[in-house]
Protein backbone atom coordinates (compact mmCIF):
# COMPACT_ATOMS: atom_id res chain seq x y z
CA UNK A 1 -0.28 -0.14 0.01
CA UNK A 2 1.40 3.14 -1.26
CA UNK A 3 -0.46 6.62 0.19
CA UNK A 4 0.62 10.02 -2.12
CA UNK A 5 0.67 13.28 -1.67
CA UNK A 6 -0.94 15.71 -4.11
CA UNK A 7 1.88 16.32 -6.20
CA UNK A 8 2.65 12.84 -5.84
CA UNK A 9 5.53 12.79 -3.63
CA UNK A 10 5.04 9.17 -1.47
CA UNK A 11 4.15 9.13 2.66
CA UNK A 12 4.64 6.06 3.35
CA UNK A 13 3.82 2.47 2.16
CA UNK A 14 2.79 -0.44 3.48
CA UNK A 15 3.24 -4.05 2.50
CA UNK A 16 0.94 -6.46 4.34
CA UNK A 17 1.26 -10.09 2.69
CA UNK A 18 2.54 -13.38 3.67
CA UNK A 19 5.01 -16.62 2.06
CA UNK A 20 1.31 -17.23 -0.14
CA UNK A 21 -0.54 -15.40 -2.75
CA UNK A 22 -2.50 -11.67 -1.53
CA UNK A 23 -4.24 -9.29 -2.47
CA UNK A 24 -5.98 -6.97 -1.53
CA UNK A 25 -8.61 -5.20 -4.68
CA UNK A 26 -10.81 -3.54 -2.76
CA UNK A 27 -10.18 -0.40 -0.52
CA UNK A 28 -11.39 2.31 0.11
CA UNK A 29 -10.69 6.12 2.59
CA UNK A 30 -12.59 5.86 6.17
CA UNK A 31 -13.96 8.43 8.08
CA UNK A 32 -10.83 8.75 10.70
CA UNK A 33 -8.76 8.55 6.99
CA UNK A 34 -7.34 4.65 6.91
CA UNK A 35 -8.77 2.40 4.31
CA UNK A 36 -10.21 -0.39 4.78
CA UNK A 37 -9.41 -3.24 2.54
CA UNK A 38 -11.31 -6.65 0.75
CA UNK A 39 -9.55 -9.44 -0.60
CA UNK A 40 -7.92 -12.93 -0.53
CA UNK A 41 -5.21 -14.06 1.68
CA UNK A 42 -3.86 -11.90 4.28
CA UNK A 43 -6.04 -9.02 3.44
CA UNK A 44 -9.86 -10.77 3.32
CA UNK A 45 -10.33 -8.02 5.48
CA UNK A 46 -8.38 -5.32 7.58
CA UNK A 47 -8.06 -1.83 8.54
CA UNK A 48 -4.87 0.04 9.15
CA UNK A 49 -5.11 3.64 10.24
CA UNK A 50 -3.79 7.05 8.73
CA UNK A 51 -0.67 5.95 9.12
CA UNK A 52 -1.10 3.19 7.67
CA UNK A 53 -0.87 0.73 10.37
CA UNK A 54 -2.57 -2.48 10.89
CA UNK A 55 -5.92 -2.21 13.32
CA UNK A 56 -7.09 -4.85 12.85
CA UNK A 57 -7.75 -7.99 10.68
């Protein structure tokens, strides 16, 4: 996951997952400026805070 500024500069980058096939196919920003992701594998359903740190999965 990569979060960019409006001008394209990187704010932060995070990797989630393990050795198998993990894929997030839907990512939405939440009201608290975090993100919720749906997919399969490690990322079947997870939430990050506004800095990209995982809050729950």
